[in-house]
Amino acid sequence: MKRLLLPLLAALALPTAVNANSHVNDSLNAADMNFKVGNRDMACTMVSMAILVVNSPEIYGTTSSSLKREVKEYADRCDLRF
């Protein structure tokens, strides 16, 4: 019982900001890979998802300022408003 309780408590104790930052990071990494292979449409879709996460802190948690700057750079690259 003790072996199961400790990982459960650790998982519940993680802040939601970790979730927001990881969502944004994953989206920007996917966008970067798509830009590299020339798939601009999919890349910009992933950037749009990152923008959605950054603009919804009540759902995903806060995003770090460095990631917000990176999202801004990718948004400019896709001609998206951020």
Protein backbone atom coordinates (compact mmCIF):
# COMPACT_ATOMS: atom_id res chain seq x y z
CA MET A 1 0.00 0.00 0.00
CA LYS A 2 2.80 2.39 0.91
CA ARG A 3 4.51 1.76 -2.44
CA LEU A 4 1.42 2.88 -4.32
CA LEU A 5 0.57 5.83 -2.13
CA LEU A 6 3.85 7.72 -2.54
CA PRO A 7 3.82 7.85 -6.39
CA LEU A 8 0.15 8.82 -6.31
CA LEU A 9 0.81 11.72 -3.95
CA ALA A 10 3.79 12.82 -6.04
CA ALA A 11 1.69 12.85 -9.19
CA LEU A 12 -1.05 14.88 -7.54
CA ALA A 13 1.43 17.36 -6.11
CA LEU A 14 2.82 18.43 -9.51
CA PRO A 15 1.84 22.00 -10.30
CA THR A 16 -0.34 22.70 -13.32
CA ALA A 17 2.35 25.02 -14.68
CA VAL A 18 4.38 21.94 -15.51
CA ASN A 19 1.47 20.84 -17.69
CA ALA A 20 1.24 24.18 -19.47
CA ASN A 21 4.97 24.37 -20.11
CA SER A 22 5.11 20.79 -21.35
CA HIS A 23 2.10 21.33 -23.67
CA VAL A 24 3.71 24.42 -25.17
CA ASN A 25 7.10 22.73 -25.44
CA ASP A 26 5.62 19.68 -27.18
CA SER A 27 3.64 21.84 -29.60
CA LEU A 28 6.65 23.99 -30.49
CA ASN A 29 8.87 20.92 -30.93
CA ALA A 30 6.30 19.41 -33.30
CA ALA A 31 6.04 22.73 -35.15
CA ASP A 32 9.82 22.88 -35.50
CA MET A 33 9.98 19.36 -36.94
CA ASN A 34 7.22 20.20 -39.42
CA PHE A 35 8.97 23.40 -40.49
CA LYS A 36 12.14 21.38 -41.11
CA VAL A 37 10.38 18.93 -43.44
CA GLY A 38 8.53 21.73 -45.23
CA ASN A 39 5.05 21.11 -43.82
CA ARG A 40 4.20 24.73 -42.95
CA ASP A 41 0.45 24.18 -42.55
CA MET A 42 0.88 21.52 -39.86
CA ALA A 43 3.62 23.55 -38.19
CA CYS A 44 1.36 26.59 -37.94
CA THR A 45 -1.44 24.42 -36.58
CA MET A 46 0.89 23.29 -33.79
CA VAL A 47 1.84 26.93 -33.13
CA SER A 48 -1.88 27.74 -32.88
CA MET A 49 -2.24 25.03 -30.25
CA ALA A 50 0.66 26.51 -28.29
CA ILE A 51 -0.98 29.95 -28.47
CA LEU A 52 -4.21 28.44 -27.15
CA VAL A 53 -2.40 26.93 -24.16
CA VAL A 54 -0.54 30.16 -23.37
CA ASN A 55 -3.75 32.21 -23.59
CA SER A 56 -5.71 29.83 -21.31
CA PRO A 57 -3.87 29.86 -17.97
CA GLU A 58 -7.10 29.09 -16.09
CA ILE A 59 -7.22 25.73 -17.89
CA TYR A 60 -3.57 24.76 -18.36
CA GLY A 61 -1.79 26.86 -15.76
CA THR A 62 0.74 29.61 -16.27
CA THR A 63 3.44 29.44 -18.91
CA SER A 64 6.98 30.66 -18.37
CA SER A 65 7.95 33.99 -19.88
CA SER A 66 10.73 32.42 -21.96
CA LEU A 67 8.25 30.06 -23.59
CA LYS A 68 5.87 32.96 -24.23
CA ARG A 69 8.65 34.76 -26.11
CA GLU A 70 9.33 31.62 -28.13
CA VAL A 71 5.64 31.25 -28.97
CA LYS A 72 5.65 34.89 -30.12
CA GLU A 73 8.57 34.17 -32.48
CA TYR A 74 6.81 31.13 -33.96
CA ALA A 75 3.55 33.08 -34.26
CA ASP A 76 5.34 35.79 -36.24
CA ARG A 77 6.82 33.11 -38.47
CA CYS A 78 3.31 31.80 -39.22
CA ASP A 79 1.76 35.27 -39.51
CA LEU A 80 -0.46 34.52 -36.51
CA ARG A 81 -1.56 37.11 -33.99
CA PHE A 82 -0.34 36.54 -30.43
